[in-house]
């Protein structure tokens, strides 16, 4: 039986172990992918040790979105063929109820229907030499265009899902060219991506944050456009609303506010500031990780007929559309997007990878695992 190397988590209080296991074999509706590079999110160590209590089914091979090469397909595949380079999406949905979702290798959903996916078929993910995926989670990439003509590296392509998260939210609220989008906080991993995506969608962007140096870095990255304005946040809710409106350049307010408050934030008034800066019939989409309850000005939402909603990840049509945007050059990756620091590690060095990712939390840095590399 053919084998491969995979990282295995046996218990939350024990480190990952690199083991030799049987190589996965695809069934109908599946394909096996050789993993070329897999993303390591800054909080991955917290997920593995349980300090960020995402539900996991143990033992298991963790992972995240990856770039791979199709190795073997199931008998019903009609488009995917061995040798194709693909984006491997970890958002696995139950085929008989797509509202039931897990994140392959990182989050089991936390309710029985979702946990069944991770308990059973979708337990071992991408921190391995090979991984099995549903056919619908694999997206062919134009390898010649991306790697040779546009000059990207495999690790650059691993950053695709970071852009896809805000694209899912911005698409959900139907951002149009010429509209004004407020992004806050805009200096983190997903906020920085939201700035680039909203600009690519033709919007004027108000990027807000407390880190002045990070805001200046965004201005440098997007120096070729006049559609980016930055705002330094204060502790005053009303003052932040005034700053947002002033930066929007429209007395009626902005069209869209996208919120990326991180889990470490509690009792944030930022959402109230953003909602207050929206025009009538404006839209607000919540995509951060803040726990607890949110507070918004009730009457303002009602009188201005505002749309307020959450968005988790992204849909298949949005992935296909975003790949087109990247392959057409509308969205840049790698150093062209301001990613100035990319660290690559082999599976043998996963502890170093987790530590590097923990330290590189803001925009401009990226950590990937490259199976087969020491």
Protein backbone atom coordinates (compact mmCIF):
# COMPACT_ATOMS: atom_id res chain seq x y z
CA UNK A 1 0.00 0.00 0.00
CA UNK A 2 1.31 3.46 -0.92
CA UNK A 3 2.10 5.73 2.01
CA UNK A 4 2.69 9.41 2.67
CA UNK A 5 3.81 11.72 5.49
CA UNK A 6 1.17 13.56 7.51
CA UNK A 7 1.05 15.60 10.71
CA UNK A 8 -1.31 14.09 13.28
CA UNK A 9 -2.84 15.68 16.37
CA UNK A 10 -3.66 13.00 18.96
CA UNK A 11 -4.53 15.29 21.90
CA UNK A 12 -4.86 19.06 22.47
CA UNK A 13 -2.15 18.96 25.15
CA UNK A 14 0.36 17.15 22.94
CA UNK A 15 2.39 18.37 19.93
CA UNK A 16 1.75 17.38 16.34
CA UNK A 17 3.46 14.15 15.30
CA UNK A 18 4.78 13.52 11.78
CA UNK A 19 3.68 10.01 10.85
CA UNK A 20 3.79 7.70 7.86
CA UNK A 21 0.23 6.74 6.92
CA UNK A 22 -1.59 5.08 4.02
CA UNK A 23 -2.01 7.54 1.18
CA UNK A 24 -5.69 8.50 0.78
CA UNK A 25 -7.66 6.97 -2.10
CA UNK A 26 -10.55 8.82 -3.79
CA UNK A 27 -14.07 7.48 -4.02
CA UNK A 28 -16.88 8.75 -6.23
CA UNK A 29 -17.22 12.51 -5.86
CA UNK A 30 -13.66 12.92 -4.60
CA UNK A 31 -10.09 13.54 -5.67
CA UNK A 32 -6.72 13.13 -3.99
CA UNK A 33 -4.40 16.12 -4.22
CA UNK A 34 -0.66 16.36 -3.72
CA UNK A 35 -0.24 19.34 -1.38
CA UNK A 36 2.23 21.88 -2.74
CA UNK A 37 1.71 24.51 -0.03
CA UNK A 38 -0.79 24.97 2.80
CA UNK A 39 -1.63 28.19 4.63
CA UNK A 40 -0.80 28.58 8.34
CA UNK A 41 -3.07 31.13 10.00
CA UNK A 42 -1.65 33.20 12.90
CA UNK A 43 -3.94 31.52 15.43
CA UNK A 44 -3.32 27.92 14.35
CA UNK A 45 -1.34 27.02 17.48
CA UNK A 46 -4.28 28.26 19.60
CA UNK A 47 -6.64 26.00 17.65
CA UNK A 48 -4.40 22.97 18.12
CA UNK A 49 -3.79 23.44 21.86
CA UNK A 50 -7.42 24.28 22.59
CA UNK A 51 -6.90 27.83 23.84
CA UNK A 52 -9.07 28.81 20.89
CA UNK A 53 -11.67 26.07 21.46
CA UNK A 54 -12.63 25.20 17.92
CA UNK A 55 -14.24 21.75 17.83
CA UNK A 56 -11.94 19.08 16.38
CA UNK A 57 -12.25 15.31 16.00
CA UNK A 58 -9.15 13.55 17.31
CA UNK A 59 -6.91 12.04 16.19
CA UNK A 60 -6.78 14.04 12.98
CA UNK A 61 -4.53 15.78 10.48
CA UNK A 62 -5.15 19.52 10.72
CA UNK A 63 -4.80 21.93 7.85
CA UNK A 64 -5.98 24.96 5.99
CA UNK A 65 -6.62 26.11 2.44
CA UNK A 66 -3.89 24.87 0.13
CA UNK A 67 -2.50 24.88 -3.36
CA UNK A 68 -2.17 21.37 -4.73
CA UNK A 69 -1.81 19.23 -7.79
CA UNK A 70 -4.47 16.67 -8.64
CA UNK A 71 -3.00 13.22 -8.11
CA UNK A 72 -5.98 10.90 -8.58
CA UNK A 73 -9.67 11.44 -9.24
CA UNK A 74 -12.74 9.39 -8.44
CA UNK A 75 -14.63 7.56 -11.21
CA UNK A 76 -17.21 10.33 -11.72
CA UNK A 77 -14.83 13.27 -12.29
CA UNK A 78 -15.49 15.00 -15.61
CA UNK A 79 -13.28 18.12 -15.49
CA UNK A 80 -10.48 17.52 -13.02
CA UNK A 81 -7.55 15.45 -14.30
CA UNK A 82 -4.26 14.35 -12.73
CA UNK A 83 -1.55 16.98 -13.01
CA UNK A 84 -3.79 20.06 -12.75
CA UNK A 85 -2.82 22.73 -10.24
CA UNK A 86 -5.81 23.58 -8.04
CA UNK A 87 -6.94 25.78 -5.18
CA UNK A 88 -8.12 23.47 -2.39
CA UNK A 89 -10.97 25.11 -0.48
CA UNK A 90 -11.51 23.90 3.10
CA UNK A 91 -15.15 25.04 3.34
CA UNK A 92 -16.80 21.63 3.21
CA UNK A 93 -20.60 21.59 3.00
CA UNK A 94 -22.91 18.64 3.50
CA UNK A 95 -24.15 17.61 0.07
CA UNK A 96 -27.69 16.99 1.27
CA UNK A 97 -27.80 20.25 3.28
CA UNK A 98 -25.28 22.92 2.18
CA UNK A 99 -26.11 25.04 5.23
CA UNK A 100 -24.16 22.48 7.31
CA UNK A 101 -20.52 23.53 7.07
CA UNK A 102 -17.11 22.76 8.54
CA UNK A 103 -13.66 24.14 7.87
CA UNK A 104 -11.60 21.11 6.89
CA UNK A 105 -8.78 20.59 9.35
CA UNK A 106 -9.51 23.56 11.61
CA UNK A 107 -13.16 23.78 12.76
CA UNK A 108 -15.73 21.01 13.14
CA UNK A 109 -18.75 23.28 13.27
CA UNK A 110 -19.69 22.66 16.87
CA UNK A 111 -23.14 21.16 16.29
CA UNK A 112 -24.04 17.51 15.61
CA UNK A 113 -24.81 17.69 11.88
CA UNK A 114 -21.56 19.53 11.13
CA UNK A 115 -19.46 17.49 13.51
CA UNK A 116 -20.57 14.35 11.67
CA UNK A 117 -18.58 15.58 8.65
CA UNK A 118 -15.35 15.92 10.62
CA UNK A 119 -15.97 12.80 12.70
CA UNK A 120 -16.26 10.73 9.55
CA UNK A 121 -15.17 11.43 5.98
CA UNK A 122 -13.45 14.79 6.46
CA UNK A 123 -11.10 14.32 9.40
CA UNK A 124 -7.63 14.46 7.79
CA UNK A 125 -6.77 17.68 5.99
CA UNK A 126 -3.87 19.42 4.28
CA UNK A 127 -0.88 19.38 6.65
CA UNK A 128 0.28 16.30 4.79
CA UNK A 129 1.82 15.25 1.50
CA UNK A 130 -1.58 14.20 0.13
CA UNK A 131 -5.18 15.04 1.04
CA UNK A 132 -8.60 13.91 -0.12
CA UNK A 133 -11.18 16.53 -1.15
CA UNK A 134 -14.71 16.68 -2.53
CA UNK A 135 -14.51 17.40 -6.26
CA UNK A 136 -16.47 20.62 -5.80
CA UNK A 137 -13.83 21.98 -3.40
CA UNK A 138 -11.07 21.94 -6.04
CA UNK A 139 -10.67 24.88 -8.41
CA UNK A 140 -8.35 24.63 -11.43
CA UNK A 141 -5.77 27.40 -11.72
CA UNK A 142 -4.03 28.60 -14.87
CA UNK A 143 -0.54 27.51 -13.85
CA UNK A 144 1.26 28.91 -16.89
CA UNK A 145 -0.39 32.32 -16.50
CA UNK A 146 0.01 32.62 -12.74
CA UNK A 147 3.51 31.21 -12.27
CA UNK A 148 5.22 32.11 -15.49
CA UNK A 149 3.50 35.10 -17.06
CA UNK A 150 2.46 36.89 -13.87
CA UNK A 151 5.51 35.63 -11.97
CA UNK A 152 3.84 34.42 -8.79
CA UNK A 153 5.20 31.69 -6.54
CA UNK A 154 3.22 28.79 -5.10
CA UNK A 155 3.33 30.48 -1.69
CA UNK A 156 1.83 33.64 -3.20
CA UNK A 157 -1.15 31.62 -4.43
CA UNK A 158 -1.64 30.32 -0.88
CA UNK A 159 -2.76 33.83 0.03
CA UNK A 160 -5.83 33.53 -2.21
CA UNK A 161 -8.18 32.49 0.63
CA UNK A 162 -7.18 35.53 2.69
CA UNK A 163 -8.55 37.73 -0.11
CA UNK A 164 -11.52 35.45 -0.63
CA UNK A 165 -12.90 35.99 2.88
CA UNK A 166 -13.56 39.74 2.46
CA UNK A 167 -14.55 39.20 -1.17
CA UNK A 168 -17.31 36.91 0.11
CA UNK A 169 -18.64 39.69 2.33
CA UNK A 170 -18.23 42.53 -0.16
CA UNK A 171 -19.90 40.47 -2.89
CA UNK A 172 -22.72 39.56 -0.50
CA UNK A 173 -23.62 43.23 -0.08
CA UNK A 174 -23.14 43.86 -3.81
CA UNK A 175 -20.39 46.49 -3.76
CA UNK A 176 -20.48 48.49 -6.98
CA UNK A 177 -17.84 50.63 -8.72
CA UNK A 178 -17.90 54.18 -7.39
CA UNK A 179 -19.34 53.28 -3.99
CA UNK A 180 -17.59 54.11 -0.71
CA UNK A 181 -16.56 51.19 1.51
CA UNK A 182 -15.35 51.60 5.09
CA UNK A 183 -13.00 48.80 6.26
CA UNK A 184 -12.28 48.54 9.98
CA UNK A 185 -9.98 47.45 11.41
CA UNK A 186 -8.06 47.58 8.11
CA UNK A 187 -4.54 46.80 9.32
CA UNK A 188 -4.87 43.09 10.06
CA UNK A 189 -4.72 40.04 7.83
CA UNK A 190 -8.30 40.17 6.53
CA UNK A 191 -8.81 43.91 6.84
CA UNK A 192 -5.77 44.57 4.64
CA UNK A 193 -7.12 42.08 2.12
CA UNK A 194 -10.52 43.81 2.21
CA UNK A 195 -8.87 47.10 1.25
CA UNK A 196 -7.24 45.54 -1.82
CA UNK A 197 -10.39 43.69 -2.86
CA UNK A 198 -12.71 46.68 -2.47
CA UNK A 199 -10.33 48.81 -4.55
CA UNK A 200 -10.26 46.08 -7.22
CA UNK A 201 -14.07 46.11 -7.24
CA UNK A 202 -13.97 49.81 -8.12
CA UNK A 203 -14.87 51.26 -4.73
CA UNK A 204 -13.40 54.19 -2.87
CA UNK A 205 -12.05 52.78 0.40
CA UNK A 206 -11.82 54.30 3.86
CA UNK A 207 -9.29 52.16 5.75
CA UNK A 208 -9.40 52.60 9.53
CA UNK A 209 -7.13 51.43 12.31
CA UNK A 210 -5.08 52.50 15.32
CA UNK A 211 -1.67 51.51 13.94
CA UNK A 212 -0.49 54.59 12.08
CA UNK A 213 2.53 52.83 10.55
CA UNK A 214 0.30 50.06 9.20
CA UNK A 215 -2.09 52.60 7.68
CA UNK A 216 0.85 54.36 6.04
CA UNK A 217 2.01 51.01 4.67
CA UNK A 218 -1.42 50.54 3.05
CA UNK A 219 -1.11 53.99 1.49
CA UNK A 220 2.27 53.00 0.05
CA UNK A 221 0.97 49.69 -1.31
CA UNK A 222 -1.94 51.40 -3.06
CA UNK A 223 -0.12 54.60 -4.00
CA UNK A 224 -1.21 54.23 -7.62
CA UNK A 225 -4.85 54.98 -6.77
CA UNK A 226 -6.55 58.10 -5.42
CA UNK A 227 -9.44 56.02 -4.05
CA UNK A 228 -7.86 55.12 -0.70
CA UNK A 229 -8.31 57.28 2.40
CA UNK A 230 -7.09 56.33 5.87
CA UNK A 231 -8.53 57.13 9.30
CA UNK A 232 -6.77 56.79 12.66
CA UNK A 233 -9.33 55.47 15.12
CA UNK A 234 -9.99 57.13 18.48
CA UNK A 235 -11.70 55.91 21.66
CA UNK A 236 -14.71 58.16 20.95
CA UNK A 237 -17.59 56.48 19.06
CA UNK A 238 -19.11 59.71 17.78
CA UNK A 239 -15.71 61.07 16.74
CA UNK A 240 -14.97 57.93 14.72
CA UNK A 241 -18.30 58.32 12.91
CA UNK A 242 -17.39 61.92 12.04
CA UNK A 243 -13.98 60.82 10.76
CA UNK A 244 -15.56 58.09 8.62
CA UNK A 245 -18.03 60.53 7.06
CA UNK A 246 -15.35 63.11 6.40
CA UNK A 247 -13.11 60.53 4.72
CA UNK A 248 -16.04 59.24 2.66
CA UNK A 249 -16.34 62.71 1.14
CA UNK A 250 -20.12 62.47 1.14
CA UNK A 251 -22.33 64.26 3.67
CA UNK A 252 -24.83 61.42 3.40
CA UNK A 253 -22.25 58.84 4.45
CA UNK A 254 -20.65 55.70 3.03
CA UNK A 255 -22.39 52.92 1.13
CA UNK A 256 -20.85 49.89 2.88
CA UNK A 257 -19.16 49.13 6.18
CA UNK A 258 -17.29 45.83 6.61
CA UNK A 259 -16.30 44.90 10.15
CA UNK A 260 -13.31 42.69 11.05
CA UNK A 261 -13.13 43.08 14.84
CA UNK A 262 -10.80 40.29 16.10
CA UNK A 263 -11.56 37.82 18.92
CA UNK A 264 -9.34 39.76 21.36
CA UNK A 265 -11.68 42.75 21.17
CA UNK A 266 -14.54 42.97 23.69
CA UNK A 267 -17.33 45.54 23.95
CA UNK A 268 -16.15 47.36 20.86
CA UNK A 269 -18.04 50.49 19.81
CA UNK A 270 -16.51 50.33 16.35
CA UNK A 271 -19.59 48.73 14.82
CA UNK A 272 -21.76 51.58 16.12
CA UNK A 273 -19.34 54.09 14.57
CA UNK A 274 -19.46 52.30 11.24
CA UNK A 275 -23.24 51.99 11.20
CA UNK A 276 -23.51 55.67 12.11
CA UNK A 277 -21.40 56.58 9.08
CA UNK A 278 -23.66 54.79 6.57
CA UNK A 279 -26.07 56.60 4.27
CA UNK A 280 -29.73 55.66 3.95
CA UNK A 281 -30.08 52.14 2.56
CA UNK A 282 -26.43 51.50 3.33
CA UNK A 283 -25.13 47.99 4.03
CA UNK A 284 -23.07 46.58 6.88
CA UNK A 285 -21.45 43.14 6.80
CA UNK A 286 -19.89 41.53 9.90
CA UNK A 287 -16.97 39.15 9.28
CA UNK A 288 -14.74 39.41 12.36
CA UNK A 289 -14.28 37.05 15.30
CA UNK A 290 -15.40 39.13 18.27
CA UNK A 291 -17.27 37.03 20.84
CA UNK A 292 -20.26 38.18 22.82
CA UNK A 293 -23.02 40.54 21.77
CA UNK A 294 -22.97 43.52 19.43
CA UNK A 295 -24.50 46.95 20.01
CA UNK A 296 -25.89 49.11 17.22
CA UNK A 297 -28.02 52.27 17.26
CA UNK A 298 -31.49 50.74 16.86
CA UNK A 299 -33.38 53.81 15.61
CA UNK A 300 -30.63 54.75 13.18
CA UNK A 301 -30.77 51.30 11.60
CA UNK A 302 -34.54 51.60 11.31
CA UNK A 303 -34.84 55.20 10.11
CA UNK A 304 -32.06 54.85 7.53
CA UNK A 305 -33.32 51.44 6.33
CA UNK A 306 -29.90 49.91 6.82
CA UNK A 307 -29.01 46.33 5.93
CA UNK A 308 -27.05 44.59 8.68
CA UNK A 309 -25.82 41.03 8.19
CA UNK A 310 -23.07 38.54 8.85
CA UNK A 311 -21.18 36.51 6.27
CA UNK A 312 -19.20 33.33 6.90
CA UNK A 313 -16.51 32.58 4.32
CA UNK A 314 -17.61 32.60 0.66
CA UNK A 315 -19.58 30.69 -1.96
CA UNK A 316 -18.44 28.60 -4.91
CA UNK A 317 -19.50 31.25 -7.50
CA UNK A 318 -17.51 33.84 -5.55
CA UNK A 319 -14.39 31.66 -5.63
CA UNK A 320 -14.69 31.22 -9.39
CA UNK A 321 -15.20 34.95 -9.88
CA UNK A 322 -12.26 35.86 -7.69
CA UNK A 323 -9.91 33.46 -9.48
CA UNK A 324 -10.87 35.26 -12.70
CA UNK A 325 -10.02 38.60 -11.07
CA UNK A 326 -6.58 37.34 -10.07
CA UNK A 327 -5.83 35.69 -13.40
CA UNK A 328 -6.88 38.85 -15.25
CA UNK A 329 -4.48 40.92 -13.13
CA UNK A 330 -7.25 42.91 -11.45
CA UNK A 331 -6.07 41.72 -8.01
CA UNK A 332 -2.35 41.41 -7.28
CA UNK A 333 -0.73 38.76 -5.06
CA UNK A 334 2.65 38.46 -3.39
CA UNK A 335 4.97 41.45 -3.20
CA UNK A 336 2.70 43.33 -5.60
CA UNK A 337 0.04 43.23 -2.88
CA UNK A 338 2.46 44.31 -0.17
CA UNK A 339 3.23 40.79 1.14
CA UNK A 340 6.86 41.53 1.90
CA UNK A 341 7.60 38.56 4.15
CA UNK A 342 6.79 34.96 3.27
CA UNK A 343 8.17 32.12 5.37
CA UNK A 344 8.11 28.52 4.17
CA UNK A 345 8.58 25.42 6.33
CA UNK A 346 8.58 21.67 5.74
CA UNK A 347 6.29 19.36 7.69
CA UNK A 348 9.25 18.45 9.90
CA UNK A 349 9.44 22.08 11.06
CA UNK A 350 5.79 22.59 11.92
CA UNK A 351 6.57 23.97 15.41
CA UNK A 352 8.71 26.70 13.84
CA UNK A 353 5.95 27.41 11.34
CA UNK A 354 3.32 27.76 14.07
CA UNK A 355 5.53 30.11 16.06
CA UNK A 356 6.37 32.23 13.01
CA UNK A 357 2.69 32.50 12.11
CA UNK A 358 1.81 33.52 15.68
CA UNK A 359 4.18 36.47 15.43
CA UNK A 360 3.16 37.56 11.93
CA UNK A 361 -0.42 38.68 12.53
CA UNK A 362 -0.68 41.91 10.54
CA UNK A 363 -0.89 42.67 6.86
CA UNK A 364 2.22 42.00 4.80
CA UNK A 365 3.43 38.64 6.14
CA UNK A 366 2.56 35.04 5.38
CA UNK A 367 3.55 31.54 6.56
CA UNK A 368 3.06 28.31 4.60
CA UNK A 369 3.88 24.64 5.02
CA UNK A 370 5.56 23.05 2.00
CA UNK A 371 5.37 19.23 2.28
CA UNK A 372 8.50 17.61 0.94
CA UNK A 373 10.69 20.59 1.84
CA UNK A 374 13.08 20.47 4.79
